Amino acid sequence: MDFKKPIKSSVLKAGKKTYFFDVNLASNNKRYLKITESRLVEEGQPAKRSTIVLFPEEVVNFQLTVSEIAKFIDGQAAA
């Protein structure tokens, strides 16, 4: 488990879900992005968590793809 303190963090709350965006340092001192989704399933139960890790060479393409899909969902892009 990764217990290092992130060097940069941001939180996005969305209803029963919370997204954590953490930039950490790998053992080779390169930065990487860890995105964790935490969601409440039932009251009184522990939150479910899912995590993805993106390395620097993947972040730009990830961002472009999310932007493309967001425009499509918002109706700004042709089908």
PDB file of N, CA and C in Angstrom:
ATOM      1  N   MET A   1       0.836  -1.178   0.000  1.00  0.00           N
ATOM      2  CA  MET A   1       0.000   0.000   0.000  1.00  0.00           C
ATOM      3  C   MET A   1       0.883   1.243   0.000  1.00  0.00           C
ATOM      4  N   ASP A   2       0.432   2.295  -0.672  1.00  0.00           N
ATOM      5  CA  ASP A   2       1.209   3.516  -0.830  1.00  0.00           C
ATOM      6  C   ASP A   2       0.859   4.496   0.283  1.00  0.00           C
ATOM      7  N   PHE A   3       1.759   4.700   1.241  1.00  0.00           N
ATOM      8  CA  PHE A   3       1.508   5.587   2.362  1.00  0.00           C
ATOM      9  C   PHE A   3       2.264   6.901   2.245  1.00  0.00           C
ATOM     10  N   LYS A   4       2.897   7.158   1.092  1.00  0.00           N
ATOM     11  CA  LYS A   4       3.625   8.403   0.920  1.00  0.00           C
ATOM     12  C   LYS A   4       2.661   9.578   0.874  1.00  0.00           C
ATOM     13  N   LYS A   5       3.103  10.697   1.406  1.00  0.00           N
ATOM     14  CA  LYS A   5       2.303  11.909   1.337  1.00  0.00           C
ATOM     15  C   LYS A   5       2.426  12.487  -0.077  1.00  0.00           C
ATOM     16  N   PRO A   6       1.276  12.782  -0.723  1.00  0.00           N
ATOM     17  CA  PRO A   6       1.337  13.360  -2.071  1.00  0.00           C
ATOM     18  C   PRO A   6       2.049  14.711  -2.076  1.00  0.00           C
ATOM     19  N   ILE A   7       2.667  15.046  -3.214  1.00  0.00           N
ATOM     20  CA  ILE A   7       3.316  16.352  -3.325  1.00  0.00           C
ATOM     21  C   ILE A   7       2.332  17.404  -3.838  1.00  0.00           C
ATOM     22  N   LYS A   8       1.202  16.965  -4.378  1.00  0.00           N
ATOM     23  CA  LYS A   8       0.124  17.856  -4.800  1.00  0.00           C
ATOM     24  C   LYS A   8      -1.168  17.047  -4.766  1.00  0.00           C
ATOM     25  N   SER A   9      -2.242  17.632  -4.235  1.00  0.00           N
ATOM     26  CA  SER A   9      -3.518  16.933  -4.142  1.00  0.00           C
ATOM     27  C   SER A   9      -4.673  17.858  -4.477  1.00  0.00           C
ATOM     28  N   SER A  10      -5.742  17.249  -4.980  1.00  0.00           N
ATOM     29  CA  SER A  10      -6.976  17.969  -5.236  1.00  0.00           C
ATOM     30  C   SER A  10      -8.129  16.997  -5.019  1.00  0.00           C
ATOM     31  N   VAL A  11      -9.270  17.517  -4.562  1.00  0.00           N
ATOM     32  CA  VAL A  11     -10.433  16.685  -4.264  1.00  0.00           C
ATOM     33  C   VAL A  11     -11.630  17.216  -5.036  1.00  0.00           C
ATOM     34  N   LEU A  12     -12.410  16.303  -5.607  1.00  0.00           N
ATOM     35  CA  LEU A  12     -13.644  16.646  -6.314  1.00  0.00           C
ATOM     36  C   LEU A  12     -14.771  15.828  -5.707  1.00  0.00           C
ATOM     37  N   LYS A  13     -15.763  16.498  -5.122  1.00  0.00           N
ATOM     38  CA  LYS A  13     -16.924  15.807  -4.557  1.00  0.00           C
ATOM     39  C   LYS A  13     -18.038  15.834  -5.585  1.00  0.00           C
ATOM     40  N   ALA A  14     -18.661  14.670  -5.780  1.00  0.00           N
ATOM     41  CA  ALA A  14     -19.727  14.527  -6.774  1.00  0.00           C
ATOM     42  C   ALA A  14     -20.800  13.602  -6.198  1.00  0.00           C
ATOM     43  N   GLY A  15     -21.757  14.166  -5.479  1.00  0.00           N
ATOM     44  CA  GLY A  15     -22.811  13.358  -4.877  1.00  0.00           C
ATOM     45  C   GLY A  15     -22.240  12.414  -3.834  1.00  0.00           C
ATOM     46  N   LYS A  16     -22.498  11.108  -4.013  1.00  0.00           N
ATOM     47  CA  LYS A  16     -22.003  10.102  -3.064  1.00  0.00           C
ATOM     48  C   LYS A  16     -20.580   9.658  -3.376  1.00  0.00           C
ATOM     49  N   LYS A  17     -19.985  10.272  -4.390  1.00  0.00           N
ATOM     50  CA  LYS A  17     -18.620   9.920  -4.782  1.00  0.00           C
ATOM     51  C   LYS A  17     -17.681  11.070  -4.487  1.00  0.00           C
ATOM     52  N   THR A  18     -16.448  10.709  -4.170  1.00  0.00           N
ATOM     53  CA  THR A  18     -15.382  11.685  -4.007  1.00  0.00           C
ATOM     54  C   THR A  18     -14.190  11.195  -4.816  1.00  0.00           C
ATOM     55  N   TYR A  19     -13.592  12.108  -5.582  1.00  0.00           N
ATOM     56  CA  TYR A  19     -12.427  11.784  -6.388  1.00  0.00           C
ATOM     57  C   TYR A  19     -11.217  12.493  -5.801  1.00  0.00           C
ATOM     58  N   PHE A  20     -10.150  11.744  -5.598  1.00  0.00           N
ATOM     59  CA  PHE A  20      -8.898  12.281  -5.082  1.00  0.00           C
ATOM     60  C   PHE A  20      -7.864  12.223  -6.204  1.00  0.00           C
ATOM     61  N   PHE A  21      -7.247  13.352  -6.500  1.00  0.00           N
ATOM     62  CA  PHE A  21      -6.194  13.438  -7.505  1.00  0.00           C
ATOM     63  C   PHE A  21      -4.905  13.742  -6.762  1.00  0.00           C
ATOM     64  N   ASP A  22      -3.996  12.789  -6.730  1.00  0.00           N
ATOM     65  CA  ASP A  22      -2.748  12.932  -5.982  1.00  0.00           C
ATOM     66  C   ASP A  22      -1.547  12.753  -6.907  1.00  0.00           C
ATOM     67  N   VAL A  23      -0.628  13.699  -6.841  1.00  0.00           N
ATOM     68  CA  VAL A  23       0.646  13.555  -7.547  1.00  0.00           C
ATOM     69  C   VAL A  23       1.658  13.069  -6.519  1.00  0.00           C
ATOM     70  N   ASN A  24       2.264  11.940  -6.806  1.00  0.00           N
ATOM     71  CA  ASN A  24       3.259  11.325  -5.921  1.00  0.00           C
ATOM     72  C   ASN A  24       4.592  11.201  -6.646  1.00  0.00           C
ATOM     73  N   LEU A  25       5.624  10.890  -5.889  1.00  0.00           N
ATOM     74  CA  LEU A  25       6.937  10.613  -6.462  1.00  0.00           C
ATOM     75  C   LEU A  25       7.206   9.115  -6.423  1.00  0.00           C
ATOM     76  N   ALA A  26       7.609   8.573  -7.565  1.00  0.00           N
ATOM     77  CA  ALA A  26       7.985   7.165  -7.636  1.00  0.00           C
ATOM     78  C   ALA A  26       9.375   6.991  -7.034  1.00  0.00           C
ATOM     79  N   SER A  27       9.801   5.767  -6.870  1.00  0.00           N
ATOM     80  CA  SER A  27      11.120   5.497  -6.280  1.00  0.00           C
ATOM     81  C   SER A  27      12.255   6.065  -7.134  1.00  0.00           C
ATOM     82  N   ASN A  28      11.986   6.293  -8.446  1.00  0.00           N
ATOM     83  CA  ASN A  28      13.000   6.881  -9.325  1.00  0.00           C
ATOM     84  C   ASN A  28      12.867   8.410  -9.389  1.00  0.00           C
ATOM     85  N   ASN A  29      12.111   8.998  -8.457  1.00  0.00           N
ATOM     86  CA  ASN A  29      11.876  10.448  -8.338  1.00  0.00           C
ATOM     87  C   ASN A  29      11.082  11.047  -9.498  1.00  0.00           C
ATOM     88  N   LYS A  30      10.372  10.223 -10.265  1.00  0.00           N
ATOM     89  CA  LYS A  30       9.485  10.733 -11.307  1.00  0.00           C
ATOM     90  C   LYS A  30       8.081  10.858 -10.733  1.00  0.00           C
ATOM     91  N   ARG A  31       7.380  11.903 -11.158  1.00  0.00           N
ATOM     92  CA  ARG A  31       6.026  12.135 -10.689  1.00  0.00           C
ATOM     93  C   ARG A  31       5.035  11.224 -11.418  1.00  0.00           C
ATOM     94  N   TYR A  32       3.971  10.858 -10.722  1.00  0.00           N
ATOM     95  CA  TYR A  32       2.877  10.132 -11.349  1.00  0.00           C
ATOM     96  C   TYR A  32       1.574  10.578 -10.701  1.00  0.00           C
ATOM     97  N   LEU A  33       0.470  10.378 -11.426  1.00  0.00           N
ATOM     98  CA  LEU A  33      -0.846  10.781 -10.973  1.00  0.00           C
ATOM     99  C   LEU A  33      -1.614   9.556 -10.502  1.00  0.00           C
ATOM    100  N   LYS A  34      -2.151   9.647  -9.303  1.00  0.00           N
ATOM    101  CA  LYS A  34      -3.002   8.585  -8.765  1.00  0.00           C
ATOM    102  C   LYS A  34      -4.398   9.175  -8.581  1.00  0.00           C
ATOM    103  N   ILE A  35      -5.386   8.578  -9.265  1.00  0.00           N
ATOM    104  CA  ILE A  35      -6.778   9.018  -9.151  1.00  0.00           C
ATOM    105  C   ILE A  35      -7.542   7.944  -8.398  1.00  0.00           C
ATOM    106  N   THR A  36      -8.161   8.343  -7.288  1.00  0.00           N
ATOM    107  CA  THR A  36      -8.916   7.402  -6.467  1.00  0.00           C
ATOM    108  C   THR A  36     -10.358   7.861  -6.385  1.00  0.00           C
ATOM    109  N   GLU A  37     -11.268   6.930  -6.659  1.00  0.00           N
ATOM    110  CA  GLU A  37     -12.695   7.182  -6.493  1.00  0.00           C
ATOM    111  C   GLU A  37     -13.130   6.490  -5.207  1.00  0.00           C
ATOM    112  N   SER A  38     -13.791   7.235  -4.338  1.00  0.00           N
ATOM    113  CA  SER A  38     -14.335   6.688  -3.106  1.00  0.00           C
ATOM    114  C   SER A  38     -15.844   6.886  -3.164  1.00  0.00           C
ATOM    115  N   ARG A  39     -16.609   5.811  -2.984  1.00  0.00           N
ATOM    116  CA  ARG A  39     -18.060   5.935  -3.083  1.00  0.00           C
ATOM    117  C   ARG A  39     -18.754   5.232  -1.932  1.00  0.00           C
ATOM    118  N   LEU A  40     -19.809   5.866  -1.450  1.00  0.00           N
ATOM    119  CA  LEU A  40     -20.610   5.275  -0.384  1.00  0.00           C
ATOM    120  C   LEU A  40     -21.583   4.282  -0.996  1.00  0.00           C
ATOM    121  N   VAL A  41     -21.622   3.085  -0.434  1.00  0.00           N
ATOM    122  CA  VAL A  41     -22.518   2.056  -0.930  1.00  0.00           C
ATOM    123  C   VAL A  41     -23.797   2.057  -0.089  1.00  0.00           C
ATOM    124  N   GLU A  42     -23.641   1.911   1.208  1.00  0.00           N
ATOM    125  CA  GLU A  42     -24.759   1.952   2.139  1.00  0.00           C
ATOM    126  C   GLU A  42     -24.333   2.692   3.387  1.00  0.00           C
ATOM    127  N   GLU A  43     -25.290   3.353   4.000  1.00  0.00           N
ATOM    128  CA  GLU A  43     -25.019   4.078   5.238  1.00  0.00           C
ATOM    129  C   GLU A  43     -24.464   3.109   6.275  1.00  0.00           C
ATOM    130  N   GLY A  44     -23.402   3.501   6.947  1.00  0.00           N
ATOM    131  CA  GLY A  44     -22.790   2.672   7.978  1.00  0.00           C
ATOM    132  C   GLY A  44     -21.783   1.664   7.452  1.00  0.00           C
ATOM    133  N   GLN A  45     -21.668   1.535   6.138  1.00  0.00           N
ATOM    134  CA  GLN A  45     -20.716   0.602   5.533  1.00  0.00           C
ATOM    135  C   GLN A  45     -19.472   1.382   5.093  1.00  0.00           C
ATOM    136  N   PRO A  46     -18.324   0.719   5.047  1.00  0.00           N
ATOM    137  CA  PRO A  46     -17.118   1.418   4.582  1.00  0.00           C
ATOM    138  C   PRO A  46     -17.250   1.788   3.098  1.00  0.00           C
ATOM    139  N   ALA A  47     -16.617   2.875   2.729  1.00  0.00           N
ATOM    140  CA  ALA A  47     -16.641   3.329   1.340  1.00  0.00           C
ATOM    141  C   ALA A  47     -15.856   2.356   0.462  1.00  0.00           C
ATOM    142  N   LYS A  48     -16.302   2.201  -0.771  1.00  0.00           N
ATOM    143  CA  LYS A  48     -15.581   1.391  -1.759  1.00  0.00           C
ATOM    144  C   LYS A  48     -14.611   2.309  -2.478  1.00  0.00           C
ATOM    145  N   ARG A  49     -13.413   1.810  -2.732  1.00  0.00           N
ATOM    146  CA  ARG A  49     -12.383   2.629  -3.396  1.00  0.00           C
ATOM    147  C   ARG A  49     -11.845   1.910  -4.626  1.00  0.00           C
ATOM    148  N   SER A  50     -11.617   2.714  -5.658  1.00  0.00           N
ATOM    149  CA  SER A  50     -10.982   2.238  -6.886  1.00  0.00           C
ATOM    150  C   SER A  50      -9.901   3.249  -7.250  1.00  0.00           C
ATOM    151  N   THR A  51      -8.764   2.758  -7.725  1.00  0.00           N
ATOM    152  CA  THR A  51      -7.632   3.638  -8.023  1.00  0.00           C
ATOM    153  C   THR A  51      -7.045   3.303  -9.385  1.00  0.00           C
ATOM    154  N   ILE A  52      -6.661   4.364 -10.113  1.00  0.00           N
ATOM    155  CA  ILE A  52      -5.861   4.184 -11.321  1.00  0.00           C
ATOM    156  C   ILE A  52      -4.605   5.036 -11.174  1.00  0.00           C
ATOM    157  N   VAL A  53      -3.545   4.604 -11.809  1.00  0.00           N
ATOM    158  CA  VAL A  53      -2.266   5.312 -11.763  1.00  0.00           C
ATOM    159  C   VAL A  53      -1.871   5.660 -13.188  1.00  0.00           C
ATOM    160  N   LEU A  54      -1.495   6.916 -13.393  1.00  0.00           N
ATOM    161  CA  LEU A  54      -1.052   7.383 -14.710  1.00  0.00           C
ATOM    162  C   LEU A  54       0.352   7.939 -14.594  1.00  0.00           C
ATOM    163  N   PHE A  55       1.221   7.481 -15.474  1.00  0.00           N
ATOM    164  CA  PHE A  55       2.583   7.975 -15.509  1.00  0.00           C
ATOM    165  C   PHE A  55       2.654   9.154 -16.470  1.00  0.00           C
ATOM    166  N   PRO A  56       3.692   9.987 -16.373  1.00  0.00           N
ATOM    167  CA  PRO A  56       3.759  11.229 -17.153  1.00  0.00           C
ATOM    168  C   PRO A  56       3.458  11.063 -18.642  1.00  0.00           C
ATOM    169  N   GLU A  57       3.962  10.007 -19.240  1.00  0.00           N
ATOM    170  CA  GLU A  57       3.762   9.813 -20.678  1.00  0.00           C
ATOM    171  C   GLU A  57       2.317   9.470 -21.032  1.00  0.00           C
ATOM    172  N   GLU A  58       1.488   9.153 -20.040  1.00  0.00           N
ATOM    173  CA  GLU A  58       0.085   8.794 -20.274  1.00  0.00           C
ATOM    174  C   GLU A  58      -0.884   9.934 -19.959  1.00  0.00           C
ATOM    175  N   VAL A  59      -0.458  10.909 -19.168  1.00  0.00           N
ATOM    176  CA  VAL A  59      -1.366  11.934 -18.649  1.00  0.00           C
ATOM    177  C   VAL A  59      -1.967  12.795 -19.758  1.00  0.00           C
ATOM    178  N   VAL A  60      -1.175  13.253 -20.713  1.00  0.00           N
ATOM    179  CA  VAL A  60      -1.686  14.140 -21.755  1.00  0.00           C
ATOM    180  C   VAL A  60      -2.732  13.423 -22.605  1.00  0.00           C
ATOM    181  N   ASN A  61      -2.452  12.200 -23.036  1.00  0.00           N
ATOM    182  CA  ASN A  61      -3.434  11.453 -23.827  1.00  0.00           C
ATOM    183  C   ASN A  61      -4.692  11.151 -23.021  1.00  0.00           C
ATOM    184  N   PHE A  62      -4.550  10.881 -21.750  1.00  0.00           N
ATOM    185  CA  PHE A  62      -5.695  10.654 -20.868  1.00  0.00           C
ATOM    186  C   PHE A  62      -6.553  11.918 -20.824  1.00  0.00           C
ATOM    187  N   GLN A  63      -5.905  13.063 -20.637  1.00  0.00           N
ATOM    188  CA  GLN A  63      -6.616  14.343 -20.579  1.00  0.00           C
ATOM    189  C   GLN A  63      -7.340  14.632 -21.896  1.00  0.00           C
ATOM    190  N   LEU A  64      -6.678  14.417 -23.019  1.00  0.00           N
ATOM    191  CA  LEU A  64      -7.298  14.657 -24.323  1.00  0.00           C
ATOM    192  C   LEU A  64      -8.518  13.760 -24.532  1.00  0.00           C
ATOM    193  N   THR A  65      -8.401  12.503 -24.140  1.00  0.00           N
ATOM    194  CA  THR A  65      -9.510  11.572 -24.305  1.00  0.00           C
ATOM    195  C   THR A  65     -10.690  11.944 -23.414  1.00  0.00           C
ATOM    196  N   VAL A  66     -10.423  12.313 -22.178  1.00  0.00           N
ATOM    197  CA  VAL A  66     -11.505  12.741 -21.268  1.00  0.00           C
ATOM    198  C   VAL A  66     -12.179  13.996 -21.814  1.00  0.00           C
ATOM    199  N   SER A  67     -11.402  14.949 -22.326  1.00  0.00           N
ATOM    200  CA  SER A  67     -11.972  16.173 -22.897  1.00  0.00           C
ATOM    201  C   SER A  67     -12.850  15.861 -24.108  1.00  0.00           C
ATOM    202  N   GLU A  68     -12.379  14.968 -24.969  1.00  0.00           N
ATOM    203  CA  GLU A  68     -13.140  14.570 -26.155  1.00  0.00           C
ATOM    204  C   GLU A  68     -14.479  13.945 -25.757  1.00  0.00           C
ATOM    205  N   ILE A  69     -14.437  13.042 -24.800  1.00  0.00           N
ATOM    206  CA  ILE A  69     -15.655  12.365 -24.346  1.00  0.00           C
ATOM    207  C   ILE A  69     -16.583  13.342 -23.637  1.00  0.00           C
ATOM    208  N   ALA A  70     -16.028  14.257 -22.848  1.00  0.00           N
ATOM    209  CA  ALA A  70     -16.846  15.251 -22.142  1.00  0.00           C
ATOM    210  C   ALA A  70     -17.582  16.142 -23.139  1.00  0.00           C
ATOM    211  N   LYS A  71     -16.915  16.559 -24.214  1.00  0.00           N
ATOM    212  CA  LYS A  71     -17.569  17.370 -25.241  1.00  0.00           C
ATOM    213  C   LYS A  71     -18.699  16.593 -25.904  1.00  0.00           C
ATOM    214  N   PHE A  72     -18.477  15.314 -26.154  1.00  0.00           N
ATOM    215  CA  PHE A  72     -19.500  14.472 -26.770  1.00  0.00           C
ATOM    216  C   PHE A  72     -20.715  14.347 -25.847  1.00  0.00           C
ATOM    217  N   ILE A  73     -20.476  14.106 -24.578  1.00  0.00           N
ATOM    218  CA  ILE A  73     -21.565  13.965 -23.610  1.00  0.00           C
ATOM    219  C   ILE A  73     -22.328  15.278 -23.494  1.00  0.00           C
ATOM    220  N   ASP A  74     -21.617  16.398 -23.533  1.00  0.00           N
ATOM    221  CA  ASP A  74     -22.224  17.719 -23.411  1.00  0.00           C
ATOM    222  C   ASP A  74     -22.919  18.162 -24.694  1.00  0.00           C
ATOM    223  N   GLY A  75     -22.778  17.380 -25.768  1.00  0.00           N
ATOM    224  CA  GLY A  75     -23.441  17.703 -27.030  1.00  0.00           C
ATOM    225  C   GLY A  75     -22.677  18.685 -27.905  1.00  0.00           C
ATOM    226  N   GLN A  76     -21.402  18.940 -27.584  1.00  0.00           N
ATOM    227  CA  GLN A  76     -20.613  19.903 -28.350  1.00  0.00           C
ATOM    228  C   GLN A  76     -19.884  19.260 -29.531  1.00  0.00           C
ATOM    229  N   ALA A  77     -19.873  17.946 -29.585  1.00  0.00           N
ATOM    230  CA  ALA A  77     -19.162  17.258 -30.668  1.00  0.00           C
ATOM    231  C   ALA A  77     -20.170  16.514 -31.535  1.00  0.00           C
ATOM    232  N   ALA A  78     -19.852  16.377 -32.805  1.00  0.00           N
ATOM    233  CA  ALA A  78     -20.725  15.627 -33.715  1.00  0.00           C
ATOM    234  C   ALA A  78     -20.645  14.148 -33.395  1.00  0.00           C
ATOM    235  N   ALA A  79     -21.731  13.464 -33.541  1.00  0.00           N
ATOM    236  CA  ALA A  79     -21.784  12.033 -33.228  1.00  0.00           C
ATOM    237  C   ALA A  79     -21.010  11.210 -34.224  1.00  0.00           C
TER     238      ALA A  79
END
